[in-house]
Amino acid sequence: LVIHLDREGGRRILRTVSLLQEHQGALRMVPAFEQTPQGPSFGPGW
């Protein structure tokens, strides 16, 4: 898992959780969760 953190004003938030996978000799991120301004979003890796 890759847990990405971000800053939003003076607040720290968990922005995304992704799976890290190898595909045809390269790394790719498969989003599982993202905290957007509109609210939580769940991706193909959920």
PDB file of all heavy atoms in Angstrom:
ATOM      1  N   LEU A   1       0.823  -1.201   0.000  1.00  0.00           N
ATOM      2  CA  LEU A   1       0.000   0.000   0.000  1.00  0.00           C
ATOM      3  C   LEU A   1       0.861   1.256   0.000  1.00  0.00           C
ATOM      4  O   LEU A   1       1.902   1.309   0.662  1.00  0.00           O
ATOM      5  CB  LEU A   1      -0.901   0.032   1.243  1.00  0.00           C
ATOM      6  CG  LEU A   1      -1.970  -1.062   1.364  1.00  0.00           C
ATOM      7  CD1 LEU A   1      -2.650  -0.972   2.731  1.00  0.00           C
ATOM      8  CD2 LEU A   1      -2.991  -0.951   0.240  1.00  0.00           C
ATOM      9  N   VAL A   2       0.401   2.264  -0.733  1.00  0.00           N
ATOM     10  CA  VAL A   2       1.014   3.590  -0.704  1.00  0.00           C
ATOM     11  C   VAL A   2      -0.006   4.552  -0.102  1.00  0.00           C
ATOM     12  O   VAL A   2      -1.109   4.717  -0.627  1.00  0.00           O
ATOM     13  CB  VAL A   2       1.419   4.067  -2.110  1.00  0.00           C
ATOM     14  CG1 VAL A   2       1.969   5.492  -2.043  1.00  0.00           C
ATOM     15  CG2 VAL A   2       2.455   3.124  -2.713  1.00  0.00           C
ATOM     16  N   ILE A   3       0.373   5.162   1.016  1.00  0.00           N
ATOM     17  CA  ILE A   3      -0.497   6.106   1.730  1.00  0.00           C
ATOM     18  C   ILE A   3       0.056   7.500   1.476  1.00  0.00           C
ATOM     19  O   ILE A   3       1.172   7.819   1.909  1.00  0.00           O
ATOM     20  CB  ILE A   3      -0.498   5.801   3.239  1.00  0.00           C
ATOM     21  CG1 ILE A   3      -0.957   4.367   3.495  1.00  0.00           C
ATOM     22  CG2 ILE A   3      -1.368   6.791   3.995  1.00  0.00           C
ATOM     23  CD1 ILE A   3      -0.657   3.875   4.901  1.00  0.00           C
ATOM     24  N   HIS A   4      -0.694   8.317   0.771  1.00  0.00           N
ATOM     25  CA  HIS A   4      -0.205   9.661   0.440  1.00  0.00           C
ATOM     26  C   HIS A   4      -0.912  10.713   1.278  1.00  0.00           C
ATOM     27  O   HIS A   4      -2.148  10.747   1.357  1.00  0.00           O
ATOM     28  CB  HIS A   4      -0.405   9.981  -1.045  1.00  0.00           C
ATOM     29  CG  HIS A   4       0.219  11.283  -1.443  1.00  0.00           C
ATOM     30  ND1 HIS A   4       1.581  11.448  -1.607  1.00  0.00           N
ATOM     31  CD2 HIS A   4      -0.329  12.505  -1.674  1.00  0.00           C
ATOM     32  CE1 HIS A   4       1.842  12.699  -1.930  1.00  0.00           C
ATOM     33  NE2 HIS A   4       0.698  13.364  -1.976  1.00  0.00           N
ATOM     34  N   LEU A   5      -0.098  11.584   1.899  1.00  0.00           N
ATOM     35  CA  LEU A   5      -0.608  12.639   2.767  1.00  0.00           C
ATOM     36  C   LEU A   5      -0.408  13.997   2.115  1.00  0.00           C
ATOM     37  O   LEU A   5       0.521  14.198   1.335  1.00  0.00           O
ATOM     38  CB  LEU A   5       0.092  12.601   4.120  1.00  0.00           C
ATOM     39  CG  LEU A   5      -0.162  11.302   4.901  1.00  0.00           C
ATOM     40  CD1 LEU A   5       0.969  11.021   5.855  1.00  0.00           C
ATOM     41  CD2 LEU A   5      -1.474  11.387   5.647  1.00  0.00           C
ATOM     42  N   ASP A   6      -1.294  14.914   2.451  1.00  0.00           N
ATOM     43  CA  ASP A   6      -1.270  16.235   1.837  1.00  0.00           C
ATOM     44  C   ASP A   6      -1.572  17.279   2.897  1.00  0.00           C
ATOM     45  O   ASP A   6      -2.021  16.961   4.001  1.00  0.00           O
ATOM     46  CB  ASP A   6      -2.322  16.297   0.723  1.00  0.00           C
ATOM     47  CG  ASP A   6      -1.982  17.316  -0.346  1.00  0.00           C
ATOM     48  OD1 ASP A   6      -1.017  18.082  -0.157  1.00  0.00           O
ATOM     49  OD2 ASP A   6      -2.691  17.345  -1.376  1.00  0.00           O
ATOM     50  N   ARG A   7      -1.322  18.527   2.545  1.00  0.00           N
ATOM     51  CA  ARG A   7      -1.638  19.640   3.436  1.00  0.00           C
ATOM     52  C   ARG A   7      -2.768  20.447   2.810  1.00  0.00           C
ATOM     53  O   ARG A   7      -2.752  20.744   1.622  1.00  0.00           O
ATOM     54  CB  ARG A   7      -0.421  20.523   3.655  1.00  0.00           C
ATOM     55  CG  ARG A   7       0.744  19.771   4.239  1.00  0.00           C
ATOM     56  CD  ARG A   7       1.823  20.703   4.692  1.00  0.00           C
ATOM     57  NE  ARG A   7       1.357  21.593   5.738  1.00  0.00           N
ATOM     58  CZ  ARG A   7       2.153  22.220   6.585  1.00  0.00           C
ATOM     59  NH1 ARG A   7       3.452  22.037   6.514  1.00  0.00           N
ATOM     60  NH2 ARG A   7       1.680  23.019   7.490  1.00  0.00           N
ATOM     61  N   GLU A   8      -3.720  20.784   3.633  1.00  0.00           N
ATOM     62  CA  GLU A   8      -4.869  21.562   3.192  1.00  0.00           C
ATOM     63  C   GLU A   8      -5.020  22.721   4.172  1.00  0.00           C
ATOM     64  O   GLU A   8      -5.604  22.573   5.241  1.00  0.00           O
ATOM     65  CB  GLU A   8      -6.117  20.688   3.179  1.00  0.00           C
ATOM     66  CG  GLU A   8      -7.261  21.232   2.351  1.00  0.00           C
ATOM     67  CD  GLU A   8      -8.375  20.209   2.210  1.00  0.00           C
ATOM     68  OE1 GLU A   8      -9.140  20.034   3.178  1.00  0.00           O
ATOM     69  OE2 GLU A   8      -8.470  19.574   1.134  1.00  0.00           O
ATOM     70  N   GLY A   9      -4.455  23.880   3.808  1.00  0.00           N
ATOM     71  CA  GLY A   9      -4.369  24.964   4.769  1.00  0.00           C
ATOM     72  C   GLY A   9      -3.384  24.588   5.860  1.00  0.00           C
ATOM     73  O   GLY A   9      -2.269  24.183   5.601  1.00  0.00           O
ATOM     74  N   GLY A  10      -3.810  24.673   7.107  1.00  0.00           N
ATOM     75  CA  GLY A  10      -2.951  24.254   8.208  1.00  0.00           C
ATOM     76  C   GLY A  10      -3.210  22.833   8.648  1.00  0.00           C
ATOM     77  O   GLY A  10      -2.638  22.368   9.630  1.00  0.00           O
ATOM     78  N   ARG A  11      -4.070  22.111   7.894  1.00  0.00           N
ATOM     79  CA  ARG A  11      -4.465  20.763   8.289  1.00  0.00           C
ATOM     80  C   ARG A  11      -3.780  19.719   7.418  1.00  0.00           C
ATOM     81  O   ARG A  11      -3.575  19.923   6.226  1.00  0.00           O
ATOM     82  CB  ARG A  11      -5.993  20.632   8.156  1.00  0.00           C
ATOM     83  CG  ARG A  11      -6.581  19.376   8.761  1.00  0.00           C
ATOM     84  CD  ARG A  11      -8.090  19.515   8.868  1.00  0.00           C
ATOM     85  NE  ARG A  11      -8.711  19.631   7.555  1.00  0.00           N
ATOM     86  CZ  ARG A  11      -9.392  18.652   6.957  1.00  0.00           C
ATOM     87  NH1 ARG A  11      -9.550  17.505   7.564  1.00  0.00           N
ATOM     88  NH2 ARG A  11      -9.923  18.838   5.771  1.00  0.00           N
ATOM     89  N   ARG A  12      -3.417  18.600   8.026  1.00  0.00           N
ATOM     90  CA  ARG A  12      -2.828  17.477   7.301  1.00  0.00           C
ATOM     91  C   ARG A  12      -3.902  16.419   7.088  1.00  0.00           C
ATOM     92  O   ARG A  12      -4.602  16.062   8.044  1.00  0.00           O
ATOM     93  CB  ARG A  12      -1.646  16.902   8.088  1.00  0.00           C
ATOM     94  CG  ARG A  12      -0.510  17.889   8.284  1.00  0.00           C
ATOM     95  CD  ARG A  12       0.480  17.391   9.319  1.00  0.00           C
ATOM     96  NE  ARG A  12       1.653  18.244   9.418  1.00  0.00           N
ATOM     97  CZ  ARG A  12       1.728  19.340  10.152  1.00  0.00           C
ATOM     98  NH1 ARG A  12       0.675  19.717  10.876  1.00  0.00           N
ATOM     99  NH2 ARG A  12       2.828  20.070  10.186  1.00  0.00           N
ATOM    100  N   ILE A  13      -3.994  15.909   5.872  1.00  0.00           N
ATOM    101  CA  ILE A  13      -5.019  14.915   5.578  1.00  0.00           C
ATOM    102  C   ILE A  13      -4.430  13.755   4.793  1.00  0.00           C
ATOM    103  O   ILE A  13      -3.456  13.916   4.051  1.00  0.00           O
ATOM    104  CB  ILE A  13      -6.202  15.518   4.786  1.00  0.00           C
ATOM    105  CG1 ILE A  13      -5.732  16.028   3.421  1.00  0.00           C
ATOM    106  CG2 ILE A  13      -6.893  16.625   5.566  1.00  0.00           C
ATOM    107  CD1 ILE A  13      -6.874  16.389   2.495  1.00  0.00           C
ATOM    108  N   LEU A  14      -5.025  12.580   4.994  1.00  0.00           N
ATOM    109  CA  LEU A  14      -4.706  11.438   4.147  1.00  0.00           C
ATOM    110  C   LEU A  14      -5.457  11.634   2.840  1.00  0.00           C
ATOM    111  O   LEU A  14      -6.687  11.601   2.810  1.00  0.00           O
ATOM    112  CB  LEU A  14      -5.119  10.134   4.825  1.00  0.00           C
ATOM    113  CG  LEU A  14      -4.678   8.843   4.119  1.00  0.00           C
ATOM    114  CD1 LEU A  14      -4.502   7.726   5.128  1.00  0.00           C
ATOM    115  CD2 LEU A  14      -5.674   8.413   3.055  1.00  0.00           C
ATOM    116  N   ARG A  15      -4.698  11.867   1.758  1.00  0.00           N
ATOM    117  CA  ARG A  15      -5.307  12.182   0.473  1.00  0.00           C
ATOM    118  C   ARG A  15      -5.709  10.922  -0.296  1.00  0.00           C
ATOM    119  O   ARG A  15      -6.816  10.841  -0.828  1.00  0.00           O
ATOM    120  CB  ARG A  15      -4.343  13.019  -0.368  1.00  0.00           C
ATOM    121  CG  ARG A  15      -4.881  13.419  -1.734  1.00  0.00           C
ATOM    122  CD  ARG A  15      -6.040  14.381  -1.621  1.00  0.00           C
ATOM    123  NE  ARG A  15      -5.596  15.698  -1.163  1.00  0.00           N
ATOM    124  CZ  ARG A  15      -6.417  16.662  -0.816  1.00  0.00           C
ATOM    125  NH1 ARG A  15      -7.730  16.466  -0.845  1.00  0.00           N
ATOM    126  NH2 ARG A  15      -5.956  17.830  -0.400  1.00  0.00           N
ATOM    127  N   THR A  16      -4.793   9.956  -0.360  1.00  0.00           N
ATOM    128  CA  THR A  16      -5.088   8.743  -1.126  1.00  0.00           C
ATOM    129  C   THR A  16      -4.485   7.514  -0.466  1.00  0.00           C
ATOM    130  O   THR A  16      -3.482   7.595   0.249  1.00  0.00           O
ATOM    131  CB  THR A  16      -4.536   8.819  -2.571  1.00  0.00           C
ATOM    132  OG1 THR A  16      -3.104   8.909  -2.520  1.00  0.00           O
ATOM    133  CG2 THR A  16      -5.095  10.014  -3.323  1.00  0.00           C
ATOM    134  N   VAL A  17      -5.122   6.382  -0.728  1.00  0.00           N
ATOM    135  CA  VAL A  17      -4.547   5.060  -0.463  1.00  0.00           C
ATOM    136  C   VAL A  17      -4.569   4.320  -1.789  1.00  0.00           C
ATOM    137  O   VAL A  17      -5.620   4.234  -2.447  1.00  0.00           O
ATOM    138  CB  VAL A  17      -5.341   4.275   0.590  1.00  0.00           C
ATOM    139  CG1 VAL A  17      -4.736   2.877   0.768  1.00  0.00           C
ATOM    140  CG2 VAL A  17      -5.369   5.015   1.916  1.00  0.00           C
ATOM    141  N   SER A  18      -3.404   3.809  -2.200  1.00  0.00           N
ATOM    142  CA  SER A  18      -3.308   3.136  -3.497  1.00  0.00           C
ATOM    143  C   SER A  18      -2.566   1.822  -3.350  1.00  0.00           C
ATOM    144  O   SER A  18      -1.767   1.640  -2.425  1.00  0.00           O
ATOM    145  CB  SER A  18      -2.558   4.017  -4.518  1.00  0.00           C
ATOM    146  OG  SER A  18      -3.158   5.281  -4.648  1.00  0.00           O
ATOM    147  N   LEU A  19      -2.831   0.930  -4.265  1.00  0.00           N
ATOM    148  CA  LEU A  19      -2.050  -0.285  -4.408  1.00  0.00           C
ATOM    149  C   LEU A  19      -0.911   0.000  -5.379  1.00  0.00           C
ATOM    150  O   LEU A  19      -1.075   0.764  -6.332  1.00  0.00           O
ATOM    151  CB  LEU A  19      -2.911  -1.420  -4.949  1.00  0.00           C
ATOM    152  CG  LEU A  19      -4.173  -1.751  -4.152  1.00  0.00           C
ATOM    153  CD1 LEU A  19      -5.026  -2.755  -4.917  1.00  0.00           C
ATOM    154  CD2 LEU A  19      -3.816  -2.301  -2.791  1.00  0.00           C
ATOM    155  N   LEU A  20       0.245  -0.586  -5.128  1.00  0.00           N
ATOM    156  CA  LEU A  20       1.396  -0.424  -6.011  1.00  0.00           C
ATOM    157  C   LEU A  20       1.617  -1.745  -6.734  1.00  0.00           C
ATOM    158  O   LEU A  20       1.830  -2.776  -6.097  1.00  0.00           O
ATOM    159  CB  LEU A  20       2.630  -0.042  -5.203  1.00  0.00           C
ATOM    160  CG  LEU A  20       3.893   0.286  -5.997  1.00  0.00           C
ATOM    161  CD1 LEU A  20       3.699   1.540  -6.834  1.00  0.00           C
ATOM    162  CD2 LEU A  20       5.087   0.472  -5.055  1.00  0.00           C
ATOM    163  N   GLN A  21       1.552  -1.721  -8.053  1.00  0.00           N
ATOM    164  CA  GLN A  21       1.639  -2.955  -8.829  1.00  0.00           C
ATOM    165  C   GLN A  21       2.632  -2.810  -9.973  1.00  0.00           C
ATOM    166  O   GLN A  21       2.804  -1.723 -10.533  1.00  0.00           O
ATOM    167  CB  GLN A  21       0.261  -3.332  -9.391  1.00  0.00           C
ATOM    168  CG  GLN A  21      -0.785  -3.625  -8.326  1.00  0.00           C
ATOM    169  CD  GLN A  21      -2.141  -3.973  -8.916  1.00  0.00           C
ATOM    170  OE1 GLN A  21      -2.388  -3.750 -10.107  1.00  0.00           O
ATOM    171  NE2 GLN A  21      -3.028  -4.505  -8.086  1.00  0.00           N
ATOM    172  N   GLU A  22       3.249  -3.937 -10.312  1.00  0.00           N
ATOM    173  CA  GLU A  22       4.116  -3.994 -11.483  1.00  0.00           C
ATOM    174  C   GLU A  22       3.288  -4.413 -12.687  1.00  0.00           C
ATOM    175  O   GLU A  22       2.497  -5.356 -12.618  1.00  0.00           O
ATOM    176  CB  GLU A  22       5.246  -4.987 -11.238  1.00  0.00           C
ATOM    177  CG  GLU A  22       6.288  -5.052 -12.361  1.00  0.00           C
ATOM    178  CD  GLU A  22       5.909  -6.033 -13.466  1.00  0.00           C
ATOM    179  OE1 GLU A  22       5.139  -6.980 -13.172  1.00  0.00           O
ATOM    180  OE2 GLU A  22       6.378  -5.865 -14.604  1.00  0.00           O
ATOM    181  N   HIS A  23       3.449  -3.690 -13.794  1.00  0.00           N
ATOM    182  CA  HIS A  23       2.696  -4.010 -15.012  1.00  0.00           C
ATOM    183  C   HIS A  23       3.589  -3.776 -16.218  1.00  0.00           C
ATOM    184  O   HIS A  23       3.987  -2.653 -16.503  1.00  0.00           O
ATOM    185  CB  HIS A  23       1.441  -3.137 -15.105  1.00  0.00           C
ATOM    186  CG  HIS A  23       0.624  -3.389 -16.337  1.00  0.00           C
ATOM    187  ND1 HIS A  23      -0.073  -4.569 -16.541  1.00  0.00           N
ATOM    188  CD2 HIS A  23       0.402  -2.612 -17.439  1.00  0.00           C
ATOM    189  CE1 HIS A  23      -0.704  -4.511 -17.697  1.00  0.00           C
ATOM    190  NE2 HIS A  23      -0.430  -3.338 -18.271  1.00  0.00           N
ATOM    191  N   GLN A  24       3.933  -4.870 -16.893  1.00  0.00           N
ATOM    192  CA  GLN A  24       4.748  -4.820 -18.105  1.00  0.00           C
ATOM    193  C   GLN A  24       6.048  -4.037 -17.894  1.00  0.00           C
ATOM    194  O   GLN A  24       6.423  -3.174 -18.671  1.00  0.00           O
ATOM    195  CB  GLN A  24       3.945  -4.208 -19.266  1.00  0.00           C
ATOM    196  CG  GLN A  24       2.735  -5.045 -19.648  1.00  0.00           C
ATOM    197  CD  GLN A  24       1.962  -4.456 -20.815  1.00  0.00           C
ATOM    198  OE1 GLN A  24       2.232  -3.331 -21.257  1.00  0.00           O
ATOM    199  NE2 GLN A  24       0.998  -5.214 -21.349  1.00  0.00           N
ATOM    200  N   GLY A  25       6.727  -4.358 -16.788  1.00  0.00           N
ATOM    201  CA  GLY A  25       8.034  -3.777 -16.514  1.00  0.00           C
ATOM    202  C   GLY A  25       8.019  -2.390 -15.927  1.00  0.00           C
ATOM    203  O   GLY A  25       9.075  -1.753 -15.806  1.00  0.00           O
ATOM    204  N   ALA A  26       6.855  -1.898 -15.543  1.00  0.00           N
ATOM    205  CA  ALA A  26       6.764  -0.564 -14.946  1.00  0.00           C
ATOM    206  C   ALA A  26       5.828  -0.609 -13.743  1.00  0.00           C
ATOM    207  O   ALA A  26       4.989  -1.513 -13.624  1.00  0.00           O
ATOM    208  CB  ALA A  26       6.262   0.451 -15.969  1.00  0.00           C
ATOM    209  N   LEU A  27       6.002   0.352 -12.838  1.00  0.00           N
ATOM    210  CA  LEU A  27       5.122   0.454 -11.676  1.00  0.00           C
ATOM    211  C   LEU A  27       3.894   1.293 -12.024  1.00  0.00           C
ATOM    212  O   LEU A  27       3.977   2.258 -12.788  1.00  0.00           O
ATOM    213  CB  LEU A  27       5.854   1.118 -10.508  1.00  0.00           C
ATOM    214  CG  LEU A  27       6.886   0.269  -9.770  1.00  0.00           C
ATOM    215  CD1 LEU A  27       7.621   1.123  -8.741  1.00  0.00           C
ATOM    216  CD2 LEU A  27       6.231  -0.928  -9.097  1.00  0.00           C
ATOM    217  N   ARG A  28       2.771   0.916 -11.462  1.00  0.00           N
ATOM    218  CA  ARG A  28       1.571   1.724 -11.634  1.00  0.00           C
ATOM    219  C   ARG A  28       0.824   1.795 -10.305  1.00  0.00           C
ATOM    220  O   ARG A  28       0.875   0.877  -9.492  1.00  0.00           O
ATOM    221  CB  ARG A  28       0.659   1.165 -12.722  1.00  0.00           C
ATOM    222  CG  ARG A  28       0.043  -0.186 -12.384  1.00  0.00           C
ATOM    223  CD  ARG A  28      -0.912  -0.635 -13.474  1.00  0.00           C
ATOM    224  NE  ARG A  28      -1.548  -1.910 -13.147  1.00  0.00           N
ATOM    225  CZ  ARG A  28      -2.422  -2.535 -13.937  1.00  0.00           C
ATOM    226  NH1 ARG A  28      -2.736  -1.993 -15.108  1.00  0.00           N
ATOM    227  NH2 ARG A  28      -2.957  -3.680 -13.560  1.00  0.00           N
ATOM    228  N   MET A  29       0.146   2.898 -10.108  1.00  0.00           N
ATOM    229  CA  MET A  29      -0.666   3.097  -8.917  1.00  0.00           C
ATOM    230  C   MET A  29      -2.112   2.742  -9.240  1.00  0.00           C
ATOM    231  O   MET A  29      -2.658   3.179 -10.263  1.00  0.00           O
ATOM    232  CB  MET A  29      -0.589   4.554  -8.464  1.00  0.00           C
ATOM    233  CG  MET A  29       0.816   5.082  -8.258  1.00  0.00           C
ATOM    234  SD  MET A  29       1.659   4.310  -6.872  1.00  0.00           S
ATOM    235  CE  MET A  29       0.734   5.011  -5.517  1.00  0.00           C
ATOM    236  N   VAL A  30      -2.714   1.956  -8.367  1.00  0.00           N
ATOM    237  CA  VAL A  30      -4.123   1.597  -8.524  1.00  0.00           C
ATOM    238  C   VAL A  30      -4.878   2.237  -7.362  1.00  0.00           C
ATOM    239  O   VAL A  30      -4.807   1.759  -6.234  1.00  0.00           O
ATOM    240  CB  VAL A  30      -4.319   0.070  -8.527  1.00  0.00           C
ATOM    241  CG1 VAL A  30      -5.803  -0.274  -8.730  1.00  0.00           C
ATOM    242  CG2 VAL A  30      -3.469  -0.576  -9.608  1.00  0.00           C
ATOM    243  N   PRO A  31      -5.603   3.339  -7.610  1.00  0.00           N
ATOM    244  CA  PRO A  31      -6.278   4.057  -6.522  1.00  0.00           C
ATOM    245  C   PRO A  31      -7.326   3.191  -5.836  1.00  0.00           C
ATOM    246  O   PRO A  31      -8.128   2.524  -6.488  1.00  0.00           O
ATOM    247  CB  PRO A  31      -6.924   5.249  -7.229  1.00  0.00           C
ATOM    248  CG  PRO A  31      -6.210   5.368  -8.539  1.00  0.00           C
ATOM    249  CD  PRO A  31      -5.816   3.979  -8.917  1.00  0.00           C
ATOM    250  N   ALA A  32      -7.309   3.215  -4.504  1.00  0.00           N
ATOM    251  CA  ALA A  32      -8.339   2.532  -3.721  1.00  0.00           C
ATOM    252  C   ALA A  32      -9.257   3.545  -3.046  1.00  0.00           C
ATOM    253  O   ALA A  32     -10.465   3.344  -2.964  1.00  0.00           O
ATOM    254  CB  ALA A  32      -7.696   1.625  -2.681  1.00  0.00           C
ATOM    255  N   PHE A  33      -8.658   4.641  -2.567  1.00  0.00           N
ATOM    256  CA  PHE A  33      -9.434   5.668  -1.859  1.00  0.00           C
ATOM    257  C   PHE A  33      -8.804   7.018  -2.120  1.00  0.00           C
ATOM    258  O   PHE A  33      -7.582   7.153  -2.184  1.00  0.00           O
ATOM    259  CB  PHE A  33      -9.440   5.393  -0.352  1.00  0.00           C
ATOM    260  CG  PHE A  33      -9.909   6.547   0.475  1.00  0.00           C
ATOM    261  CD1 PHE A  33     -11.262   6.783   0.662  1.00  0.00           C
ATOM    262  CD2 PHE A  33      -8.993   7.430   1.051  1.00  0.00           C
ATOM    263  CE1 PHE A  33     -11.698   7.869   1.410  1.00  0.00           C
ATOM    264  CE2 PHE A  33      -9.417   8.512   1.801  1.00  0.00           C
ATOM    265  CZ  PHE A  33     -10.780   8.727   1.978  1.00  0.00           C
ATOM    266  N   GLU A  34      -9.647   8.043  -2.263  1.00  0.00           N
ATOM    267  CA  GLU A  34      -9.167   9.415  -2.390  1.00  0.00           C
ATOM    268  C   GLU A  34     -10.118  10.345  -1.649  1.00  0.00           C
ATOM    269  O   GLU A  34     -11.342  10.234  -1.780  1.00  0.00           O
ATOM    270  CB  GLU A  34      -9.065   9.852  -3.846  1.00  0.00           C
ATOM    271  CG  GLU A  34      -8.540  11.277  -3.996  1.00  0.00           C
ATOM    272  CD  GLU A  34      -8.380  11.707  -5.438  1.00  0.00           C
ATOM    273  OE1 GLU A  34      -8.737  10.912  -6.332  1.00  0.00           O
ATOM    274  OE2 GLU A  34      -7.884  12.828  -5.669  1.00  0.00           O
ATOM    275  N   GLN A  35      -9.528  11.239  -0.858  1.00  0.00           N
ATOM    276  CA  GLN A  35     -10.316  12.267  -0.189  1.00  0.00           C
ATOM    277  C   GLN A  35     -10.336  13.495  -1.089  1.00  0.00           C
ATOM    278  O   GLN A  35      -9.326  14.174  -1.266  1.00  0.00           O
ATOM    279  CB  GLN A  35      -9.717  12.610   1.173  1.00  0.00           C
ATOM    280  CG  GLN A  35     -10.510  13.628   1.975  1.00  0.00           C
ATOM    281  CD  GLN A  35     -11.896  13.119   2.355  1.00  0.00           C
ATOM    282  OE1 GLN A  35     -12.047  11.960   2.738  1.00  0.00           O
ATOM    283  NE2 GLN A  35     -12.892  13.973   2.240  1.00  0.00           N
ATOM    284  N   THR A  36     -11.477  13.779  -1.703  1.00  0.00           N
ATOM    285  CA  THR A  36     -11.615  14.907  -2.612  1.00  0.00           C
ATOM    286  C   THR A  36     -12.355  16.047  -1.912  1.00  0.00           C
ATOM    287  O   THR A  36     -12.962  15.842  -0.854  1.00  0.00           O
ATOM    288  CB  THR A  36     -12.396  14.493  -3.871  1.00  0.00           C
ATOM    289  OG1 THR A  36     -13.774  14.297  -3.511  1.00  0.00           O
ATOM    290  CG2 THR A  36     -11.834  13.199  -4.455  1.00  0.00           C
ATOM    291  N   PRO A  37     -12.333  17.252  -2.492  1.00  0.00           N
ATOM    292  CA  PRO A  37     -13.114  18.353  -1.904  1.00  0.00           C
ATOM    293  C   PRO A  37     -14.603  18.044  -1.798  1.00  0.00           C
ATOM    294  O   PRO A  37     -15.305  18.596  -0.948  1.00  0.00           O
ATOM    295  CB  PRO A  37     -12.851  19.516  -2.872  1.00  0.00           C
ATOM    296  CG  PRO A  37     -11.518  19.200  -3.480  1.00  0.00           C
ATOM    297  CD  PRO A  37     -11.493  17.711  -3.601  1.00  0.00           C
ATOM    298  N   GLN A  38     -15.083  17.144  -2.660  1.00  0.00           N
ATOM    299  CA  GLN A  38     -16.498  16.778  -2.635  1.00  0.00           C
ATOM    300  C   GLN A  38     -16.790  15.641  -1.663  1.00  0.00           C
ATOM    301  O   GLN A  38     -17.955  15.315  -1.426  1.00  0.00           O
ATOM    302  CB  GLN A  38     -16.966  16.374  -4.045  1.00  0.00           C
ATOM    303  CG  GLN A  38     -16.982  17.508  -5.056  1.00  0.00           C
ATOM    304  CD  GLN A  38     -15.585  17.902  -5.521  1.00  0.00           C
ATOM    305  OE1 GLN A  38     -14.713  17.040  -5.667  1.00  0.00           O
ATOM    306  NE2 GLN A  38     -15.360  19.203  -5.721  1.00  0.00           N
ATOM    307  N   GLY A  39     -15.739  15.022  -1.129  1.00  0.00           N
ATOM    308  CA  GLY A  39     -15.931  13.913  -0.214  1.00  0.00           C
ATOM    309  C   GLY A  39     -15.115  12.704  -0.618  1.00  0.00           C
ATOM    310  O   GLY A  39     -14.316  12.763  -1.559  1.00  0.00           O
ATOM    311  N   PRO A  40     -15.299  11.563   0.063  1.00  0.00           N
ATOM    312  CA  PRO A  40     -14.513  10.370  -0.253  1.00  0.00           C
ATOM    313  C   PRO A  40     -14.882   9.781  -1.604  1.00  0.00           C
ATOM    314  O   PRO A  40     -16.050   9.788  -2.003  1.00  0.00           O
ATOM    315  CB  PRO A  40     -14.853   9.406   0.888  1.00  0.00           C
ATOM    316  CG  PRO A  40     -16.191   9.856   1.368  1.00  0.00           C
ATOM    317  CD  PRO A  40     -16.224  11.348   1.187  1.00  0.00           C
ATOM    318  N   SER A  41     -13.856   9.265  -2.292  1.00  0.00           N
ATOM    319  CA  SER A  41     -14.053   8.607  -3.585  1.00  0.00           C
ATOM    320  C   SER A  41     -13.342   7.266  -3.542  1.00  0.00           C
ATOM    321  O   SER A  41     -12.210   7.170  -3.042  1.00  0.00           O
ATOM    322  CB  SER A  41     -13.479   9.479  -4.711  1.00  0.00           C
ATOM    323  OG  SER A  41     -13.518   8.798  -5.949  1.00  0.00           O
ATOM    324  N   PHE A  42     -13.980   6.230  -4.053  1.00  0.00           N
ATOM    325  CA  PHE A  42     -13.429   4.878  -4.003  1.00  0.00           C
ATOM    326  C   PHE A  42     -13.090   4.419  -5.413  1.00  0.00           C
ATOM    327  O   PHE A  42     -13.924   4.471  -6.319  1.00  0.00           O
ATOM    328  CB  PHE A  42     -14.423   3.931  -3.334  1.00  0.00           C
ATOM    329  CG  PHE A  42     -14.805   4.379  -1.949  1.00  0.00           C
ATOM    330  CD1 PHE A  42     -15.937   5.160  -1.743  1.00  0.00           C
ATOM    331  CD2 PHE A  42     -14.010   4.068  -0.868  1.00  0.00           C
ATOM    332  CE1 PHE A  42     -16.281   5.598  -0.478  1.00  0.00           C
ATOM    333  CE2 PHE A  42     -14.338   4.505   0.411  1.00  0.00           C
ATOM    334  CZ  PHE A  42     -15.480   5.276   0.603  1.00  0.00           C
ATOM    335  N   GLY A  43     -11.832   3.991  -5.597  1.00  0.00           N
ATOM    336  CA  GLY A  43     -11.340   3.643  -6.919  1.00  0.00           C
ATOM    337  C   GLY A  43     -11.330   2.156  -7.180  1.00  0.00           C
ATOM    338  O   GLY A  43     -11.800   1.347  -6.366  1.00  0.00           O
ATOM    339  N   PRO A  44     -10.742   1.751  -8.319  1.00  0.00           N
ATOM    340  CA  PRO A  44     -10.740   0.335  -8.721  1.00  0.00           C
ATOM    341  C   PRO A  44      -9.969  -0.577  -7.773  1.00  0.00           C
ATOM    342  O   PRO A  44     -10.163  -1.793  -7.798  1.00  0.00           O
ATOM    343  CB  PRO A  44     -10.088   0.370 -10.110  1.00  0.00           C
ATOM    344  CG  PRO A  44      -9.337   1.672 -10.163  1.00  0.00           C
ATOM    345  CD  PRO A  44     -10.120   2.614  -9.333  1.00  0.00           C
ATOM    346  N   GLY A  45      -9.099  -0.014  -6.938  1.00  0.00           N
ATOM    347  CA  GLY A  45      -8.335  -0.854  -6.010  1.00  0.00           C
ATOM    348  C   GLY A  45      -9.011  -1.055  -4.669  1.00  0.00           C
ATOM    349  O   GLY A  45      -8.444  -1.717  -3.791  1.00  0.00           O
ATOM    350  N   TRP A  46     -10.229  -0.511  -4.498  1.00  0.00           N
ATOM    351  CA  TRP A  46     -10.884  -0.567  -3.190  1.00  0.00           C
ATOM    352  C   TRP A  46     -11.123  -1.992  -2.707  1.00  0.00           C
ATOM    353  O   TRP A  46     -10.848  -2.328  -1.557  1.00  0.00           O
ATOM    354  CB  TRP A  46     -12.197   0.206  -3.216  1.00  0.00           C
ATOM    355  CG  TRP A  46     -12.975   0.080  -1.937  1.00  0.00           C
ATOM    356  CD1 TRP A  46     -14.062  -0.699  -1.710  1.00  0.00           C
ATOM    357  CD2 TRP A  46     -12.672   0.717  -0.689  1.00  0.00           C
ATOM    358  NE1 TRP A  46     -14.479  -0.574  -0.400  1.00  0.00           N
ATOM    359  CE2 TRP A  46     -13.643   0.285   0.243  1.00  0.00           C
ATOM    360  CE3 TRP A  46     -11.691   1.609  -0.283  1.00  0.00           C
ATOM    361  CZ2 TRP A  46     -13.638   0.733   1.568  1.00  0.00           C
ATOM    362  CZ3 TRP A  46     -11.690   2.045   1.039  1.00  0.00           C
ATOM    363  CH2 TRP A  46     -12.656   1.601   1.948  1.00  0.00           C
TER     364      TRP A  46
END
